[in-house]
Amino acid sequence: MSRCNNCKIQITDETDKCPFCRCVLEKDEGQTQDKYPEAWVVARRFHLLENIVLFLSILIEAVLVYINYVVTPFFAWSLIVGLVLLYANVVLRLAVIGKSGYMFKTICLVLMTVIILIAIDYLTGYNRWSLNYVMPAGILFMDIGILVLMIVNHRNWQSYMMAQLFTIVLSIIPIILLEIGEVTFSYLTIIAFAVSVFIFLGTLIIGDQRAKTELKRRFHI
């Protein structure tokens, strides 16, 4: 804020001269004006960074696909690199810059990791290590993440019950794959299913009325 000694008025605009008499203004040291950071400028820079990384990823993948086709057409290693680049872009946009909640980020990133590793397993001969170990391990990681978030946000712990139900549904998938013979290592699959179920049951029993109220509210019953 500035002051015109000639007109005896204060000028709030960012200018060096008085708009009435054109005299040079003096800074009013007694008055301070709060300045807030321009958040949109920061957001724009992050958005620009996202687009640059995406463009470079597409460019790198295109070059690698061509090299793969010319040099080693019998093994699609460029697709594996493409999956890694895709995952890096998802992590940048969702986990680093994204404004979604921690639970949403955790579930999305774990699911993305499992899907990409299953694809890599398929491209490298399909030895089923992704189904035997990665998938149930991802479900266990989500269970642990839910427990940690419930402890941290203990005042609103019941809001994570839907995420618990989601992990139970996910843990049924490896059980089905085990029954049809796609999963050959049963122990980790059964452990993941049991942990998901018991975490939900523990929340429902210990939470008592608050847990029941949350379920009624979610399912409108």
C-alpha atoms as a PDB file:
ATOM      1  CA  MET A   1       0.000   0.000   0.000  1.00  0.00           C
ATOM      2  CA  SER A   2       1.278   3.482  -0.950  1.00  0.00           C
ATOM      3  CA  ARG A   3       0.416   7.033   0.103  1.00  0.00           C
ATOM      4  CA  CYS A   4       0.180  10.254  -1.863  1.00  0.00           C
ATOM      5  CA  ASN A   5       1.427  13.113   0.310  1.00  0.00           C
ATOM      6  CA  ASN A   6      -0.067  15.654  -2.073  1.00  0.00           C
ATOM      7  CA  CYS A   7      -3.636  14.287  -2.155  1.00  0.00           C
ATOM      8  CA  LYS A   8      -3.404  12.832   1.373  1.00  0.00           C
ATOM      9  CA  ILE A   9      -4.877   9.513   0.261  1.00  0.00           C
ATOM     10  CA  GLN A  10      -3.771   5.913   0.310  1.00  0.00           C
ATOM     11  CA  ILE A  11      -3.419   3.989  -2.940  1.00  0.00           C
ATOM     12  CA  THR A  12      -3.996   0.245  -2.871  1.00  0.00           C
ATOM     13  CA  ASP A  13      -3.110  -0.390  -6.512  1.00  0.00           C
ATOM     14  CA  GLU A  14       0.357  -1.527  -7.532  1.00  0.00           C
ATOM     15  CA  THR A  15       1.532   1.758  -9.014  1.00  0.00           C
ATOM     16  CA  ASP A  16       4.346   4.250  -8.456  1.00  0.00           C
ATOM     17  CA  LYS A  17       2.372   7.415  -9.246  1.00  0.00           C
ATOM     18  CA  CYS A  18      -0.852   8.884  -7.899  1.00  0.00           C
ATOM     19  CA  PRO A  19      -3.705   8.424 -10.396  1.00  0.00           C
ATOM     20  CA  PHE A  20      -5.009  11.947  -9.580  1.00  0.00           C
ATOM     21  CA  CYS A  21      -2.024  14.273  -9.356  1.00  0.00           C
ATOM     22  CA  ARG A  22       0.650  11.982 -10.890  1.00  0.00           C
ATOM     23  CA  CYS A  23       3.003  12.631  -7.981  1.00  0.00           C
ATOM     24  CA  VAL A  24       5.416   9.888  -6.960  1.00  0.00           C
ATOM     25  CA  LEU A  25       3.947   7.775  -4.199  1.00  0.00           C
ATOM     26  CA  GLU A  26       5.632   6.802  -0.970  1.00  0.00           C
ATOM     27  CA  LYS A  27       5.369   3.367   0.554  1.00  0.00           C
ATOM     28  CA  ASP A  28       3.225   3.321   3.666  1.00  0.00           C
ATOM     29  CA  GLU A  29       5.330   1.292   6.098  1.00  0.00           C
ATOM     30  CA  GLY A  30       2.575   1.335   8.719  1.00  0.00           C
ATOM     31  CA  GLN A  31       0.185  -0.700   6.590  1.00  0.00           C
ATOM     32  CA  THR A  32       0.963  -4.177   5.378  1.00  0.00           C
ATOM     33  CA  GLN A  33      -1.021  -6.115   2.879  1.00  0.00           C
ATOM     34  CA  ASP A  34      -1.227  -9.890   3.064  1.00  0.00           C
ATOM     35  CA  LYS A  35      -0.023 -11.614  -0.039  1.00  0.00           C
ATOM     36  CA  TYR A  36      -1.086 -15.133  -0.788  1.00  0.00           C
ATOM     37  CA  PRO A  37       0.738 -17.518  -3.095  1.00  0.00           C
ATOM     38  CA  GLU A  38      -0.836 -17.957  -6.473  1.00  0.00           C
ATOM     39  CA  ALA A  39      -1.767 -21.624  -6.197  1.00  0.00           C
ATOM     40  CA  TRP A  40      -2.902 -21.822  -9.799  1.00  0.00           C
ATOM     41  CA  VAL A  41       0.645 -21.046 -10.967  1.00  0.00           C
ATOM     42  CA  VAL A  42       1.993 -24.046  -9.027  1.00  0.00           C
ATOM     43  CA  ALA A  43      -0.819 -26.261 -10.358  1.00  0.00           C
ATOM     44  CA  ARG A  44      -0.031 -25.142 -13.891  1.00  0.00           C
ATOM     45  CA  ARG A  45       3.611 -26.033 -13.480  1.00  0.00           C
ATOM     46  CA  PHE A  46       2.737 -29.505 -12.185  1.00  0.00           C
ATOM     47  CA  HIS A  47       0.318 -30.005 -15.075  1.00  0.00           C
ATOM     48  CA  LEU A  48       3.065 -28.996 -17.492  1.00  0.00           C
ATOM     49  CA  LEU A  49       5.408 -31.481 -15.820  1.00  0.00           C
ATOM     50  CA  GLU A  50       2.799 -34.232 -16.213  1.00  0.00           C
ATOM     51  CA  ASN A  51       2.439 -33.504 -19.924  1.00  0.00           C
ATOM     52  CA  ILE A  52       6.205 -33.380 -20.488  1.00  0.00           C
ATOM     53  CA  VAL A  53       6.706 -36.743 -18.759  1.00  0.00           C
ATOM     54  CA  LEU A  54       3.814 -38.255 -20.744  1.00  0.00           C
ATOM     55  CA  PHE A  55       5.230 -36.977 -24.058  1.00  0.00           C
ATOM     56  CA  LEU A  56       8.735 -38.251 -23.264  1.00  0.00           C
ATOM     57  CA  SER A  57       7.297 -41.625 -22.257  1.00  0.00           C
ATOM     58  CA  ILE A  58       5.427 -41.952 -25.558  1.00  0.00           C
ATOM     59  CA  LEU A  59       8.514 -40.877 -27.503  1.00  0.00           C
ATOM     60  CA  ILE A  60      10.804 -43.319 -25.671  1.00  0.00           C
ATOM     61  CA  GLU A  61       8.327 -46.169 -26.080  1.00  0.00           C
ATOM     62  CA  ALA A  62       7.949 -45.496 -29.821  1.00  0.00           C
ATOM     63  CA  VAL A  63      11.731 -45.606 -30.293  1.00  0.00           C
ATOM     64  CA  LEU A  64      12.030 -48.794 -28.236  1.00  0.00           C
ATOM     65  CA  VAL A  65       9.216 -50.514 -30.145  1.00  0.00           C
ATOM     66  CA  TYR A  66      11.036 -49.795 -33.413  1.00  0.00           C
ATOM     67  CA  ILE A  67      14.360 -51.065 -32.019  1.00  0.00           C
ATOM     68  CA  ASN A  68      12.607 -54.132 -30.632  1.00  0.00           C
ATOM     69  CA  TYR A  69      11.004 -54.874 -34.002  1.00  0.00           C
ATOM     70  CA  VAL A  70      14.260 -54.478 -35.919  1.00  0.00           C
ATOM     71  CA  VAL A  71      16.729 -56.144 -33.523  1.00  0.00           C
ATOM     72  CA  THR A  72      14.816 -58.721 -31.440  1.00  0.00           C
ATOM     73  CA  PRO A  73      11.354 -59.309 -32.946  1.00  0.00           C
ATOM     74  CA  PHE A  74      11.066 -62.673 -31.176  1.00  0.00           C
ATOM     75  CA  PHE A  75      10.814 -61.089 -27.689  1.00  0.00           C
ATOM     76  CA  ALA A  76       8.561 -58.096 -26.944  1.00  0.00           C
ATOM     77  CA  TRP A  77      10.753 -56.488 -24.287  1.00  0.00           C
ATOM     78  CA  SER A  78       9.650 -53.019 -25.391  1.00  0.00           C
ATOM     79  CA  LEU A  79       6.155 -53.771 -24.078  1.00  0.00           C
ATOM     80  CA  ILE A  80       7.603 -54.440 -20.631  1.00  0.00           C
ATOM     81  CA  VAL A  81       9.363 -51.076 -20.704  1.00  0.00           C
ATOM     82  CA  GLY A  82       6.089 -49.506 -21.868  1.00  0.00           C
ATOM     83  CA  LEU A  83       4.259 -50.966 -18.879  1.00  0.00           C
ATOM     84  CA  VAL A  84       6.916 -49.531 -16.538  1.00  0.00           C
ATOM     85  CA  LEU A  85       6.583 -46.109 -18.197  1.00  0.00           C
ATOM     86  CA  LEU A  86       2.806 -46.323 -17.891  1.00  0.00           C
ATOM     87  CA  TYR A  87       3.114 -47.115 -14.199  1.00  0.00           C
ATOM     88  CA  ALA A  88       5.500 -44.193 -13.689  1.00  0.00           C
ATOM     89  CA  ASN A  89       2.991 -41.814 -15.285  1.00  0.00           C
ATOM     90  CA  VAL A  90       0.160 -43.188 -13.133  1.00  0.00           C
ATOM     91  CA  VAL A  91       2.252 -42.771  -9.976  1.00  0.00           C
ATOM     92  CA  LEU A  92       3.141 -39.198 -10.955  1.00  0.00           C
ATOM     93  CA  ARG A  93      -0.420 -38.180 -11.762  1.00  0.00           C
ATOM     94  CA  LEU A  94      -2.169 -40.061  -8.966  1.00  0.00           C
ATOM     95  CA  ALA A  95       0.180 -40.451  -6.005  1.00  0.00           C
ATOM     96  CA  VAL A  96       2.539 -37.474  -6.339  1.00  0.00           C
ATOM     97  CA  ILE A  97       0.367 -34.721  -7.842  1.00  0.00           C
ATOM     98  CA  GLY A  98      -3.149 -36.132  -7.429  1.00  0.00           C
ATOM     99  CA  LYS A  99      -5.460 -34.744  -4.757  1.00  0.00           C
ATOM    100  CA  SER A 100      -7.386 -37.943  -4.023  1.00  0.00           C
ATOM    101  CA  GLY A 101      -7.511 -39.482  -0.549  1.00  0.00           C
ATOM    102  CA  TYR A 102      -4.887 -41.879   0.761  1.00  0.00           C
ATOM    103  CA  MET A 103      -7.228 -44.876   0.645  1.00  0.00           C
ATOM    104  CA  PHE A 104      -8.135 -44.288  -2.999  1.00  0.00           C
ATOM    105  CA  LYS A 105      -4.475 -43.808  -3.925  1.00  0.00           C
ATOM    106  CA  THR A 106      -3.404 -46.948  -2.071  1.00  0.00           C
ATOM    107  CA  ILE A 107      -6.034 -49.170  -3.699  1.00  0.00           C
ATOM    108  CA  CYS A 108      -5.457 -47.786  -7.195  1.00  0.00           C
ATOM    109  CA  LEU A 109      -1.671 -48.073  -7.012  1.00  0.00           C
ATOM    110  CA  VAL A 110      -1.765 -51.613  -5.622  1.00  0.00           C
ATOM    111  CA  LEU A 111      -4.240 -52.723  -8.292  1.00  0.00           C
ATOM    112  CA  MET A 112      -2.155 -51.063 -10.989  1.00  0.00           C
ATOM    113  CA  THR A 113       0.985 -52.766  -9.683  1.00  0.00           C
ATOM    114  CA  VAL A 114      -0.677 -56.190  -9.662  1.00  0.00           C
ATOM    115  CA  ILE A 115      -2.111 -55.773 -13.172  1.00  0.00           C
ATOM    116  CA  ILE A 116       1.219 -54.630 -14.622  1.00  0.00           C
ATOM    117  CA  LEU A 117       3.135 -57.470 -12.964  1.00  0.00           C
ATOM    118  CA  ILE A 118       0.589 -59.999 -14.269  1.00  0.00           C
ATOM    119  CA  ALA A 119       1.130 -58.563 -17.755  1.00  0.00           C
ATOM    120  CA  ILE A 120       4.923 -58.798 -17.339  1.00  0.00           C
ATOM    121  CA  ASP A 121       4.541 -62.389 -16.130  1.00  0.00           C
ATOM    122  CA  TYR A 122       2.508 -63.193 -19.244  1.00  0.00           C
ATOM    123  CA  LEU A 123       5.048 -61.532 -21.563  1.00  0.00           C
ATOM    124  CA  THR A 124       7.963 -63.394 -19.995  1.00  0.00           C
ATOM    125  CA  GLY A 125       6.547 -66.919 -20.289  1.00  0.00           C
ATOM    126  CA  TYR A 126       3.628 -66.933 -17.831  1.00  0.00           C
ATOM    127  CA  ASN A 127       5.137 -68.861 -14.919  1.00  0.00           C
ATOM    128  CA  ARG A 128       2.205 -67.737 -12.714  1.00  0.00           C
ATOM    129  CA  TRP A 129       4.437 -66.049 -10.120  1.00  0.00           C
ATOM    130  CA  SER A 130       2.208 -62.982 -10.407  1.00  0.00           C
ATOM    131  CA  LEU A 131      -0.903 -64.990  -9.501  1.00  0.00           C
ATOM    132  CA  ASN A 132       0.784 -67.123  -6.843  1.00  0.00           C
ATOM    133  CA  TYR A 133       2.593 -64.350  -4.986  1.00  0.00           C
ATOM    134  CA  VAL A 134       1.980 -60.827  -6.303  1.00  0.00           C
ATOM    135  CA  MET A 135      -1.839 -60.859  -6.262  1.00  0.00           C
ATOM    136  CA  PRO A 136      -2.298 -62.160  -2.682  1.00  0.00           C
ATOM    137  CA  ALA A 137       0.614 -60.007  -1.485  1.00  0.00           C
ATOM    138  CA  GLY A 138      -1.112 -56.956  -2.968  1.00  0.00           C
ATOM    139  CA  ILE A 139      -4.326 -57.812  -1.114  1.00  0.00           C
ATOM    140  CA  LEU A 140      -2.382 -58.190   2.148  1.00  0.00           C
ATOM    141  CA  PHE A 141      -0.716 -54.831   1.513  1.00  0.00           C
ATOM    142  CA  MET A 142      -4.139 -53.212   1.105  1.00  0.00           C
ATOM    143  CA  ASP A 143      -5.313 -54.840   4.347  1.00  0.00           C
ATOM    144  CA  ILE A 144      -2.304 -53.428   6.190  1.00  0.00           C
ATOM    145  CA  GLY A 145      -2.858 -50.017   4.612  1.00  0.00           C
ATOM    146  CA  ILE A 146      -6.489 -50.006   5.742  1.00  0.00           C
ATOM    147  CA  LEU A 147      -5.487 -50.890   9.310  1.00  0.00           C
ATOM    148  CA  VAL A 148      -2.875 -48.124   9.387  1.00  0.00           C
ATOM    149  CA  LEU A 149      -5.347 -45.546   8.084  1.00  0.00           C
ATOM    150  CA  MET A 150      -7.956 -46.671  10.619  1.00  0.00           C
ATOM    151  CA  ILE A 151      -5.439 -46.163  13.431  1.00  0.00           C
ATOM    152  CA  VAL A 152      -4.320 -42.770  12.145  1.00  0.00           C
ATOM    153  CA  ASN A 153      -7.889 -41.610  11.491  1.00  0.00           C
ATOM    154  CA  HIS A 154      -9.346 -43.346  14.541  1.00  0.00           C
ATOM    155  CA  ARG A 155     -12.162 -40.829  14.931  1.00  0.00           C
ATOM    156  CA  ASN A 156     -13.587 -41.836  11.570  1.00  0.00           C
ATOM    157  CA  TRP A 157     -12.462 -45.475  11.427  1.00  0.00           C
ATOM    158  CA  GLN A 158     -15.861 -46.767  10.307  1.00  0.00           C
ATOM    159  CA  SER A 159     -15.499 -45.004   6.942  1.00  0.00           C
ATOM    160  CA  TYR A 160     -12.961 -47.654   5.887  1.00  0.00           C
ATOM    161  CA  MET A 161     -15.413 -50.539   6.118  1.00  0.00           C
ATOM    162  CA  MET A 162     -16.312 -50.302   2.438  1.00  0.00           C
ATOM    163  CA  ALA A 163     -12.626 -50.617   1.578  1.00  0.00           C
ATOM    164  CA  GLN A 164     -12.521 -53.752   3.732  1.00  0.00           C
ATOM    165  CA  LEU A 165     -15.444 -55.233   1.819  1.00  0.00           C
ATOM    166  CA  PHE A 166     -13.654 -54.381  -1.420  1.00  0.00           C
ATOM    167  CA  THR A 167     -10.541 -56.286  -0.333  1.00  0.00           C
ATOM    168  CA  ILE A 168     -12.727 -59.298   0.545  1.00  0.00           C
ATOM    169  CA  VAL A 169     -14.175 -59.255  -2.981  1.00  0.00           C
ATOM    170  CA  LEU A 170     -10.668 -58.991  -4.421  1.00  0.00           C
ATOM    171  CA  SER A 171      -9.400 -61.838  -2.240  1.00  0.00           C
ATOM    172  CA  ILE A 172     -12.124 -64.100  -3.665  1.00  0.00           C
ATOM    173  CA  ILE A 173     -10.561 -63.792  -7.150  1.00  0.00           C
ATOM    174  CA  PRO A 174      -7.367 -65.723  -6.231  1.00  0.00           C
ATOM    175  CA  ILE A 175      -9.555 -68.338  -4.504  1.00  0.00           C
ATOM    176  CA  ILE A 176     -11.486 -68.840  -7.761  1.00  0.00           C
ATOM    177  CA  LEU A 177      -8.224 -69.031  -9.715  1.00  0.00           C
ATOM    178  CA  LEU A 178      -6.994 -71.595  -7.198  1.00  0.00           C
ATOM    179  CA  GLU A 179     -10.070 -73.745  -7.765  1.00  0.00           C
ATOM    180  CA  ILE A 180      -9.662 -73.726 -11.547  1.00  0.00           C
ATOM    181  CA  GLY A 181      -5.951 -74.477 -11.344  1.00  0.00           C
ATOM    182  CA  GLU A 182      -4.464 -71.122 -12.391  1.00  0.00           C
ATOM    183  CA  VAL A 183      -2.997 -70.561  -8.921  1.00  0.00           C
ATOM    184  CA  THR A 184      -0.660 -73.340  -7.817  1.00  0.00           C
ATOM    185  CA  PHE A 185       0.571 -71.957  -4.471  1.00  0.00           C
ATOM    186  CA  SER A 186      -2.416 -72.036  -2.159  1.00  0.00           C
ATOM    187  CA  TYR A 187      -1.010 -70.869   1.195  1.00  0.00           C
ATOM    188  CA  LEU A 188      -0.587 -67.169   0.447  1.00  0.00           C
ATOM    189  CA  THR A 189      -3.932 -67.040  -1.353  1.00  0.00           C
ATOM    190  CA  ILE A 190      -5.771 -68.544   1.619  1.00  0.00           C
ATOM    191  CA  ILE A 191      -3.927 -66.275   4.070  1.00  0.00           C
ATOM    192  CA  ALA A 192      -4.902 -63.157   2.072  1.00  0.00           C
ATOM    193  CA  PHE A 193      -8.549 -64.197   2.017  1.00  0.00           C
ATOM    194  CA  ALA A 194      -8.579 -65.062   5.734  1.00  0.00           C
ATOM    195  CA  VAL A 195      -6.902 -61.779   6.751  1.00  0.00           C
ATOM    196  CA  SER A 196      -9.383 -59.722   4.711  1.00  0.00           C
ATOM    197  CA  VAL A 197     -12.368 -61.541   6.201  1.00  0.00           C
ATOM    198  CA  PHE A 198     -11.149 -61.403   9.808  1.00  0.00           C
ATOM    199  CA  ILE A 199     -10.247 -57.717   9.605  1.00  0.00           C
ATOM    200  CA  PHE A 200     -13.802 -56.979   8.500  1.00  0.00           C
ATOM    201  CA  LEU A 201     -15.317 -59.238  11.156  1.00  0.00           C
ATOM    202  CA  GLY A 202     -13.103 -57.685  13.824  1.00  0.00           C
ATOM    203  CA  THR A 203     -14.184 -54.195  12.778  1.00  0.00           C
ATOM    204  CA  LEU A 204     -17.843 -55.243  12.740  1.00  0.00           C
ATOM    205  CA  ILE A 205     -17.725 -56.921  16.167  1.00  0.00           C
ATOM    206  CA  ILE A 206     -15.483 -54.442  17.991  1.00  0.00           C
ATOM    207  CA  GLY A 207     -17.044 -51.435  16.292  1.00  0.00           C
ATOM    208  CA  ASP A 208     -20.492 -52.622  17.370  1.00  0.00           C
ATOM    209  CA  GLN A 209     -23.194 -49.999  16.800  1.00  0.00           C
ATOM    210  CA  ARG A 210     -21.048 -47.516  14.847  1.00  0.00           C
ATOM    211  CA  ALA A 211     -20.010 -50.249  12.427  1.00  0.00           C
ATOM    212  CA  LYS A 212     -23.589 -51.423  11.948  1.00  0.00           C
ATOM    213  CA  THR A 213     -24.781 -47.865  11.432  1.00  0.00           C
ATOM    214  CA  GLU A 214     -22.120 -47.317   8.775  1.00  0.00           C
ATOM    215  CA  LEU A 215     -23.186 -50.429   6.877  1.00  0.00           C
ATOM    216  CA  LYS A 216     -26.852 -49.428   7.063  1.00  0.00           C
ATOM    217  CA  ARG A 217     -25.989 -45.973   5.781  1.00  0.00           C
ATOM    218  CA  ARG A 218     -23.889 -47.328   2.905  1.00  0.00           C
ATOM    219  CA  PHE A 219     -26.357 -49.994   1.784  1.00  0.00           C
ATOM    220  CA  HIS A 220     -29.531 -47.997   2.642  1.00  0.00           C
ATOM    221  CA  ILE A 221     -31.030 -50.738   4.792  1.00  0.00           C
END
